[in-house]
């Protein structure tokens, strides 16, 4: 259902059961700028789907299965997209 909210600009999914498969359902959100995935089950596998959301500018990924190594090349290819992994 969230994937049908076409004018959504910010989405906070922290501490939910969202997975890599759920991220693929968000690729139709053409205005999404900020996505909070803190403390979810997403992994490196969701990064390619996140890169498809051209309006996306910032993704919070603390306490997820996403690795810093996996986002390095993706950030190089998408200089306007910032991934925040925390400490």
PDB file of N, CA and C in Angstrom:
ATOM      1  N   UNK A   1       0.807  -1.196   0.000  1.00  0.00           N
ATOM      2  CA  UNK A   1       0.000   0.000   0.000  1.00  0.00           C
ATOM      3  C   UNK A   1       0.853   1.264   0.000  1.00  0.00           C
ATOM      4  N   UNK A   2       1.971   1.248   0.714  1.00  0.00           N
ATOM      5  CA  UNK A   2       2.821   2.434   0.783  1.00  0.00           C
ATOM      6  C   UNK A   2       3.343   2.790  -0.607  1.00  0.00           C
ATOM      7  N   UNK A   3       3.642   1.796  -1.406  1.00  0.00           N
ATOM      8  CA  UNK A   3       4.156   2.028  -2.750  1.00  0.00           C
ATOM      9  C   UNK A   3       3.198   2.788  -3.650  1.00  0.00           C
ATOM     10  N   UNK A   4       1.948   2.891  -3.265  1.00  0.00           N
ATOM     11  CA  UNK A   4       0.947   3.619  -4.046  1.00  0.00           C
ATOM     12  C   UNK A   4       0.815   5.082  -3.636  1.00  0.00           C
ATOM     13  N   UNK A   5       1.521   5.515  -2.610  1.00  0.00           N
ATOM     14  CA  UNK A   5       1.457   6.899  -2.142  1.00  0.00           C
ATOM     15  C   UNK A   5       2.446   7.733  -2.945  1.00  0.00           C
ATOM     16  N   UNK A   6       2.065   8.087  -4.130  1.00  0.00           N
ATOM     17  CA  UNK A   6       2.986   8.659  -5.111  1.00  0.00           C
ATOM     18  C   UNK A   6       3.626   9.985  -4.712  1.00  0.00           C
ATOM     19  N   UNK A   7       3.019  10.758  -3.843  1.00  0.00           N
ATOM     20  CA  UNK A   7       3.578  12.057  -3.458  1.00  0.00           C
ATOM     21  C   UNK A   7       4.362  12.026  -2.156  1.00  0.00           C
ATOM     22  N   UNK A   8       4.588  10.865  -1.621  1.00  0.00           N
ATOM     23  CA  UNK A   8       5.325  10.714  -0.365  1.00  0.00           C
ATOM     24  C   UNK A   8       6.762  11.205  -0.530  1.00  0.00           C
ATOM     25  N   UNK A   9       7.232  12.040   0.394  1.00  0.00           N
ATOM     26  CA  UNK A   9       8.602  12.550   0.312  1.00  0.00           C
ATOM     27  C   UNK A   9       9.491  12.004   1.416  1.00  0.00           C
ATOM     28  N   UNK A  10       8.911  11.630   2.545  1.00  0.00           N
ATOM     29  CA  UNK A  10       9.675  11.064   3.667  1.00  0.00           C
ATOM     30  C   UNK A  10       8.947   9.826   4.171  1.00  0.00           C
ATOM     31  N   UNK A  11       9.737   8.810   4.498  1.00  0.00           N
ATOM     32  CA  UNK A  11       9.143   7.570   4.983  1.00  0.00           C
ATOM     33  C   UNK A  11       9.994   7.027   6.117  1.00  0.00           C
ATOM     34  N   UNK A  12       9.364   6.830   7.270  1.00  0.00           N
ATOM     35  CA  UNK A  12      10.069   6.317   8.445  1.00  0.00           C
ATOM     36  C   UNK A  12       9.607   4.890   8.713  1.00  0.00           C
ATOM     37  N   UNK A  13      10.472   3.944   8.373  1.00  0.00           N
ATOM     38  CA  UNK A  13      10.171   2.532   8.567  1.00  0.00           C
ATOM     39  C   UNK A  13      11.058   1.913   9.643  1.00  0.00           C
ATOM     40  N   UNK A  14      11.675   2.765  10.469  1.00  0.00           N
ATOM     41  CA  UNK A  14      12.574   2.257  11.499  1.00  0.00           C
ATOM     42  C   UNK A  14      11.852   1.296  12.441  1.00  0.00           C
ATOM     43  N   UNK A  15      12.600   0.292  12.866  1.00  0.00           N
ATOM     44  CA  UNK A  15      12.119  -0.721  13.813  1.00  0.00           C
ATOM     45  C   UNK A  15      10.853  -1.426  13.336  1.00  0.00           C
ATOM     46  N   UNK A  16      10.783  -1.674  12.027  1.00  0.00           N
ATOM     47  CA  UNK A  16       9.664  -2.441  11.470  1.00  0.00           C
ATOM     48  C   UNK A  16      10.207  -3.739  10.886  1.00  0.00           C
ATOM     49  N   UNK A  17       9.334  -4.541  10.355  1.00  0.00           N
ATOM     50  CA  UNK A  17       9.723  -5.834   9.777  1.00  0.00           C
ATOM     51  C   UNK A  17      10.044  -5.723   8.288  1.00  0.00           C
ATOM     52  N   UNK A  18      10.267  -4.518   7.769  1.00  0.00           N
ATOM     53  CA  UNK A  18      10.573  -4.349   6.341  1.00  0.00           C
ATOM     54  C   UNK A  18      11.814  -5.164   5.969  1.00  0.00           C
ATOM     55  N   UNK A  19      11.777  -5.753   4.798  1.00  0.00           N
ATOM     56  CA  UNK A  19      12.887  -6.572   4.320  1.00  0.00           C
ATOM     57  C   UNK A  19      13.313  -6.073   2.947  1.00  0.00           C
ATOM     58  N   UNK A  20      14.286  -6.734   2.376  1.00  0.00           N
ATOM     59  CA  UNK A  20      14.744  -6.384   1.026  1.00  0.00           C
ATOM     60  C   UNK A  20      13.593  -6.458   0.021  1.00  0.00           C
ATOM     61  N   UNK A  21      12.751  -7.435   0.167  1.00  0.00           N
ATOM     62  CA  UNK A  21      11.604  -7.578  -0.728  1.00  0.00           C
ATOM     63  C   UNK A  21      10.658  -6.387  -0.591  1.00  0.00           C
ATOM     64  N   UNK A  22      10.460  -5.920   0.607  1.00  0.00           N
ATOM     65  CA  UNK A  22       9.608  -4.754   0.833  1.00  0.00           C
ATOM     66  C   UNK A  22      10.174  -3.498   0.202  1.00  0.00           C
ATOM     67  N   UNK A  23      11.483  -3.378   0.175  1.00  0.00           N
ATOM     68  CA  UNK A  23      12.125  -2.208  -0.444  1.00  0.00           C
ATOM     69  C   UNK A  23      11.824  -2.177  -1.933  1.00  0.00           C
ATOM     70  N   UNK A  24      11.776  -3.321  -2.564  1.00  0.00           N
ATOM     71  CA  UNK A  24      11.491  -3.354  -4.004  1.00  0.00           C
ATOM     72  C   UNK A  24      10.109  -2.785  -4.314  1.00  0.00           C
ATOM     73  N   UNK A  25       9.195  -2.838  -3.372  1.00  0.00           N
ATOM     74  CA  UNK A  25       7.851  -2.286  -3.569  1.00  0.00           C
ATOM     75  C   UNK A  25       7.835  -0.767  -3.473  1.00  0.00           C
ATOM     76  N   UNK A  26       8.933  -0.152  -3.047  1.00  0.00           N
ATOM     77  CA  UNK A  26       8.989   1.299  -2.889  1.00  0.00           C
ATOM     78  C   UNK A  26       9.554   2.013  -4.112  1.00  0.00           C
ATOM     79  N   UNK A  27       9.999   1.289  -5.107  1.00  0.00           N
ATOM     80  CA  UNK A  27      10.680   1.906  -6.247  1.00  0.00           C
ATOM     81  C   UNK A  27       9.772   2.811  -7.081  1.00  0.00           C
ATOM     82  N   UNK A  28       8.463   2.740  -6.889  1.00  0.00           N
ATOM     83  CA  UNK A  28       7.530   3.607  -7.616  1.00  0.00           C
ATOM     84  C   UNK A  28       7.333   4.963  -6.946  1.00  0.00           C
ATOM     85  N   UNK A  29       7.949   5.177  -5.799  1.00  0.00           N
ATOM     86  CA  UNK A  29       7.791   6.445  -5.081  1.00  0.00           C
ATOM     87  C   UNK A  29       8.714   7.487  -5.696  1.00  0.00           C
ATOM     88  N   UNK A  30       8.221   8.191  -6.690  1.00  0.00           N
ATOM     89  CA  UNK A  30       9.027   9.108  -7.508  1.00  0.00           C
ATOM     90  C   UNK A  30       9.419  10.397  -6.797  1.00  0.00           C
ATOM     91  N   UNK A  31       8.836  10.684  -5.636  1.00  0.00           N
ATOM     92  CA  UNK A  31       9.150  11.916  -4.910  1.00  0.00           C
ATOM     93  C   UNK A  31       9.829  11.656  -3.564  1.00  0.00           C
ATOM     94  N   UNK A  32      10.094  10.404  -3.256  1.00  0.00           N
ATOM     95  CA  UNK A  32      10.688  10.052  -1.963  1.00  0.00           C
ATOM     96  C   UNK A  32      12.105  10.610  -1.860  1.00  0.00           C
ATOM     97  N   UNK A  33      12.361  11.385  -0.824  1.00  0.00           N
ATOM     98  CA  UNK A  33      13.670  12.000  -0.619  1.00  0.00           C
ATOM     99  C   UNK A  33      14.426  11.417   0.570  1.00  0.00           C
ATOM    100  N   UNK A  34      13.705  11.055   1.627  1.00  0.00           N
ATOM    101  CA  UNK A  34      14.346  10.559   2.848  1.00  0.00           C
ATOM    102  C   UNK A  34      13.666   9.263   3.263  1.00  0.00           C
ATOM    103  N   UNK A  35      14.500   8.260   3.553  1.00  0.00           N
ATOM    104  CA  UNK A  35      13.996   6.955   3.979  1.00  0.00           C
ATOM    105  C   UNK A  35      14.761   6.497   5.209  1.00  0.00           C
ATOM    106  N   UNK A  36      14.039   6.209   6.279  1.00  0.00           N
ATOM    107  CA  UNK A  36      14.658   5.756   7.514  1.00  0.00           C
ATOM    108  C   UNK A  36      14.418   4.255   7.664  1.00  0.00           C
ATOM    109  N   UNK A  37      15.504   3.484   7.594  1.00  0.00           N
ATOM    110  CA  UNK A  37      15.435   2.028   7.725  1.00  0.00           C
ATOM    111  C   UNK A  37      16.190   1.544   8.965  1.00  0.00           C
ATOM    112  N   UNK A  38      16.383   2.429   9.920  1.00  0.00           N
ATOM    113  CA  UNK A  38      17.099   2.110  11.155  1.00  0.00           C
ATOM    114  C   UNK A  38      16.506   0.866  11.821  1.00  0.00           C
ATOM    115  N   UNK A  39      17.393  -0.042  12.237  1.00  0.00           N
ATOM    116  CA  UNK A  39      17.017  -1.237  13.004  1.00  0.00           C
ATOM    117  C   UNK A  39      15.966  -2.090  12.282  1.00  0.00           C
ATOM    118  N   UNK A  40      16.216  -2.346  10.983  1.00  0.00           N
ATOM    119  CA  UNK A  40      15.348  -3.240  10.217  1.00  0.00           C
ATOM    120  C   UNK A  40      16.179  -4.416   9.702  1.00  0.00           C
ATOM    121  N   UNK A  41      15.559  -5.285   8.960  1.00  0.00           N
ATOM    122  CA  UNK A  41      16.213  -6.506   8.466  1.00  0.00           C
ATOM    123  C   UNK A  41      16.779  -6.362   7.061  1.00  0.00           C
ATOM    124  N   UNK A  42      16.857  -5.140   6.533  1.00  0.00           N
ATOM    125  CA  UNK A  42      17.375  -4.981   5.172  1.00  0.00           C
ATOM    126  C   UNK A  42      18.864  -5.311   5.117  1.00  0.00           C
ATOM    127  N   UNK A  43      19.302  -5.739   3.934  1.00  0.00           N
ATOM    128  CA  UNK A  43      20.698  -6.131   3.728  1.00  0.00           C
ATOM    129  C   UNK A  43      21.244  -5.430   2.481  1.00  0.00           C
ATOM    130  N   UNK A  44      22.454  -5.778   2.126  1.00  0.00           N
ATOM    131  CA  UNK A  44      23.085  -5.230   0.920  1.00  0.00           C
ATOM    132  C   UNK A  44      22.220  -5.453  -0.326  1.00  0.00           C
ATOM    133  N   UNK A  45      21.403  -6.469  -0.315  1.00  0.00           N
ATOM    134  CA  UNK A  45      20.568  -6.800  -1.481  1.00  0.00           C
ATOM    135  C   UNK A  45      19.571  -5.710  -1.842  1.00  0.00           C
ATOM    136  N   UNK A  46      19.212  -4.849  -0.894  1.00  0.00           N
ATOM    137  CA  UNK A  46      18.212  -3.809  -1.175  1.00  0.00           C
ATOM    138  C   UNK A  46      18.820  -2.580  -1.835  1.00  0.00           C
ATOM    139  N   UNK A  47      20.129  -2.473  -1.891  1.00  0.00           N
ATOM    140  CA  UNK A  47      20.766  -1.242  -2.365  1.00  0.00           C
ATOM    141  C   UNK A  47      20.462  -0.926  -3.824  1.00  0.00           C
ATOM    142  N   UNK A  48      20.402  -1.918  -4.661  1.00  0.00           N
ATOM    143  CA  UNK A  48      20.106  -1.665  -6.077  1.00  0.00           C
ATOM    144  C   UNK A  48      18.693  -1.121  -6.262  1.00  0.00           C
ATOM    145  N   UNK A  49      17.759  -1.604  -5.458  1.00  0.00           N
ATOM    146  CA  UNK A  49      16.398  -1.063  -5.527  1.00  0.00           C
ATOM    147  C   UNK A  49      16.361   0.368  -5.010  1.00  0.00           C
ATOM    148  N   UNK A  50      17.105   0.664  -3.969  1.00  0.00           N
ATOM    149  CA  UNK A  50      17.151   2.030  -3.458  1.00  0.00           C
ATOM    150  C   UNK A  50      17.718   2.988  -4.502  1.00  0.00           C
ATOM    151  N   UNK A  51      18.701   2.538  -5.250  1.00  0.00           N
ATOM    152  CA  UNK A  51      19.311   3.375  -6.292  1.00  0.00           C
ATOM    153  C   UNK A  51      18.330   3.685  -7.419  1.00  0.00           C
ATOM    154  N   UNK A  52      17.294   2.893  -7.577  1.00  0.00           N
ATOM    155  CA  UNK A  52      16.286   3.131  -8.618  1.00  0.00           C
ATOM    156  C   UNK A  52      15.370   4.302  -8.277  1.00  0.00           C
ATOM    157  N   UNK A  53      15.342   4.694  -7.014  1.00  0.00           N
ATOM    158  CA  UNK A  53      14.495   5.806  -6.588  1.00  0.00           C
ATOM    159  C   UNK A  53      15.308   7.079  -6.789  1.00  0.00           C
ATOM    160  N   UNK A  54      15.197   7.682  -7.956  1.00  0.00           N
ATOM    161  CA  UNK A  54      16.052   8.803  -8.365  1.00  0.00           C
ATOM    162  C   UNK A  54      15.886  10.046  -7.494  1.00  0.00           C
ATOM    163  N   UNK A  55      14.744  10.214  -6.865  1.00  0.00           N
ATOM    164  CA  UNK A  55      14.515  11.383  -6.010  1.00  0.00           C
ATOM    165  C   UNK A  55      15.147  11.219  -4.624  1.00  0.00           C
ATOM    166  N   UNK A  56      15.539  10.011  -4.274  1.00  0.00           N
ATOM    167  CA  UNK A  56      16.058   9.711  -2.940  1.00  0.00           C
ATOM    168  C   UNK A  56      17.379  10.429  -2.694  1.00  0.00           C
ATOM    169  N   UNK A  57      17.476  11.108  -1.544  1.00  0.00           N
ATOM    170  CA  UNK A  57      18.681  11.859  -1.191  1.00  0.00           C
ATOM    171  C   UNK A  57      19.375  11.330   0.047  1.00  0.00           C
ATOM    172  N   UNK A  58      18.618  10.721   0.967  1.00  0.00           N
ATOM    173  CA  UNK A  58      19.217  10.276   2.221  1.00  0.00           C
ATOM    174  C   UNK A  58      18.522   9.006   2.705  1.00  0.00           C
ATOM    175  N   UNK A  59      19.343   8.002   3.119  1.00  0.00           N
ATOM    176  CA  UNK A  59      18.815   6.750   3.655  1.00  0.00           C
ATOM    177  C   UNK A  59      19.546   6.445   4.955  1.00  0.00           C
ATOM    178  N   UNK A  60      18.796   6.255   6.024  1.00  0.00           N
ATOM    179  CA  UNK A  60      19.369   5.907   7.325  1.00  0.00           C
ATOM    180  C   UNK A  60      19.382   4.390   7.465  1.00  0.00           C
ATOM    181  N   UNK A  61      20.576   3.841   7.699  1.00  0.00           N
ATOM    182  CA  UNK A  61      20.753   2.388   7.708  1.00  0.00           C
ATOM    183  C   UNK A  61      21.437   1.865   8.975  1.00  0.00           C
ATOM    184  N   UNK A  62      21.363   2.588  10.083  1.00  0.00           N
ATOM    185  CA  UNK A  62      21.954   2.094  11.335  1.00  0.00           C
ATOM    186  C   UNK A  62      21.282   0.796  11.732  1.00  0.00           C
ATOM    187  N   UNK A  63      22.069  -0.092  12.285  1.00  0.00           N
ATOM    188  CA  UNK A  63      21.583  -1.377  12.808  1.00  0.00           C
ATOM    189  C   UNK A  63      20.799  -2.169  11.762  1.00  0.00           C
ATOM    190  N   UNK A  64      21.378  -2.274  10.570  1.00  0.00           N
ATOM    191  CA  UNK A  64      20.801  -3.111   9.511  1.00  0.00           C
ATOM    192  C   UNK A  64      21.891  -4.070   9.032  1.00  0.00           C
ATOM    193  N   UNK A  65      21.556  -4.888   8.064  1.00  0.00           N
ATOM    194  CA  UNK A  65      22.523  -5.809   7.478  1.00  0.00           C
ATOM    195  C   UNK A  65      23.291  -5.210   6.315  1.00  0.00           C
ATOM    196  N   UNK A  66      23.158  -3.910   6.089  1.00  0.00           N
ATOM    197  CA  UNK A  66      23.863  -3.239   5.001  1.00  0.00           C
ATOM    198  C   UNK A  66      25.280  -2.905   5.459  1.00  0.00           C
ATOM    199  N   UNK A  67      26.255  -3.232   4.615  1.00  0.00           N
ATOM    200  CA  UNK A  67      27.659  -3.007   4.965  1.00  0.00           C
ATOM    201  C   UNK A  67      28.200  -1.753   4.287  1.00  0.00           C
ATOM    202  N   UNK A  68      29.175  -1.166   4.932  1.00  0.00           N
ATOM    203  CA  UNK A  68      29.808   0.035   4.382  1.00  0.00           C
ATOM    204  C   UNK A  68      30.452  -0.278   3.036  1.00  0.00           C
ATOM    205  N   UNK A  69      31.041  -1.426   2.911  1.00  0.00           N
ATOM    206  CA  UNK A  69      31.703  -1.824   1.672  1.00  0.00           C
ATOM    207  C   UNK A  69      30.723  -1.868   0.505  1.00  0.00           C
ATOM    208  N   UNK A  70      29.517  -2.300   0.774  1.00  0.00           N
ATOM    209  CA  UNK A  70      28.522  -2.427  -0.290  1.00  0.00           C
ATOM    210  C   UNK A  70      28.023  -1.075  -0.781  1.00  0.00           C
ATOM    211  N   UNK A  71      28.045  -0.075   0.070  1.00  0.00           N
ATOM    212  CA  UNK A  71      27.508   1.220  -0.363  1.00  0.00           C
ATOM    213  C   UNK A  71      28.551   2.136  -0.999  1.00  0.00           C
ATOM    214  N   UNK A  72      29.824   1.813  -0.863  1.00  0.00           N
ATOM    215  CA  UNK A  72      30.875   2.687  -1.402  1.00  0.00           C
ATOM    216  C   UNK A  72      30.713   2.900  -2.900  1.00  0.00           C
ATOM    217  N   UNK A  73      30.620   1.862  -3.674  1.00  0.00           N
ATOM    218  CA  UNK A  73      30.507   2.026  -5.124  1.00  0.00           C
ATOM    219  C   UNK A  73      29.163   2.627  -5.518  1.00  0.00           C
ATOM    220  N   UNK A  74      28.133   2.304  -4.774  1.00  0.00           N
ATOM    221  CA  UNK A  74      26.822   2.861  -5.060  1.00  0.00           C
ATOM    222  C   UNK A  74      26.808   4.371  -4.831  1.00  0.00           C
ATOM    223  N   UNK A  75      27.489   4.844  -3.819  1.00  0.00           N
ATOM    224  CA  UNK A  75      27.591   6.281  -3.563  1.00  0.00           C
ATOM    225  C   UNK A  75      28.380   6.970  -4.670  1.00  0.00           C
ATOM    226  N   UNK A  76      29.390   6.301  -5.195  1.00  0.00           N
ATOM    227  CA  UNK A  76      30.179   6.879  -6.287  1.00  0.00           C
ATOM    228  C   UNK A  76      29.315   7.061  -7.538  1.00  0.00           C
ATOM    229  N   UNK A  77      28.446   6.095  -7.802  1.00  0.00           N
ATOM    230  CA  UNK A  77      27.563   6.166  -8.969  1.00  0.00           C
ATOM    231  C   UNK A  77      26.372   7.100  -8.761  1.00  0.00           C
ATOM    232  N   UNK A  78      26.058   7.399  -7.492  1.00  0.00           N
ATOM    233  CA  UNK A  78      24.916   8.242  -7.147  1.00  0.00           C
ATOM    234  C   UNK A  78      25.364   9.318  -6.160  1.00  0.00           C
ATOM    235  N   UNK A  79      26.079  10.341  -6.627  1.00  0.00           N
ATOM    236  CA  UNK A  79      26.659  11.325  -5.714  1.00  0.00           C
ATOM    237  C   UNK A  79      25.638  12.137  -4.913  1.00  0.00           C
ATOM    238  N   UNK A  80      24.391  12.183  -5.346  1.00  0.00           N
ATOM    239  CA  UNK A  80      23.360  12.918  -4.608  1.00  0.00           C
ATOM    240  C   UNK A  80      22.667  12.069  -3.540  1.00  0.00           C
ATOM    241  N   UNK A  81      23.043  10.802  -3.465  1.00  0.00           N
ATOM    242  CA  UNK A  81      22.423   9.882  -2.526  1.00  0.00           C
ATOM    243  C   UNK A  81      23.367   9.610  -1.367  1.00  0.00           C
ATOM    244  N   UNK A  82      22.915   9.891  -0.158  1.00  0.00           N
ATOM    245  CA  UNK A  82      23.738   9.724   1.039  1.00  0.00           C
ATOM    246  C   UNK A  82      23.188   8.582   1.885  1.00  0.00           C
ATOM    247  N   UNK A  83      24.062   7.646   2.218  1.00  0.00           N
ATOM    248  CA  UNK A  83      23.705   6.546   3.108  1.00  0.00           C
ATOM    249  C   UNK A  83      24.311   6.815   4.473  1.00  0.00           C
ATOM    250  N   UNK A  84      23.514   6.785   5.510  1.00  0.00           N
ATOM    251  CA  UNK A  84      23.988   7.079   6.856  1.00  0.00           C
ATOM    252  C   UNK A  84      23.960   5.784   7.662  1.00  0.00           C
ATOM    253  N   UNK A  85      25.158   5.285   7.996  1.00  0.00           N
ATOM    254  CA  UNK A  85      25.284   4.020   8.714  1.00  0.00           C
ATOM    255  C   UNK A  85      25.435   4.193  10.216  1.00  0.00           C
ATOM    256  N   UNK A  86      25.705   5.386  10.687  1.00  0.00           N
ATOM    257  CA  UNK A  86      25.909   5.582  12.121  1.00  0.00           C
ATOM    258  C   UNK A  86      27.291   5.114  12.531  1.00  0.00           C
ATOM    259  N   UNK A  87      27.467   4.935  13.806  1.00  0.00           N
ATOM    260  CA  UNK A  87      28.782   4.518  14.347  1.00  0.00           C
ATOM    261  C   UNK A  87      28.830   3.043  14.603  1.00  0.00           C
TER     262      UNK A  87
END
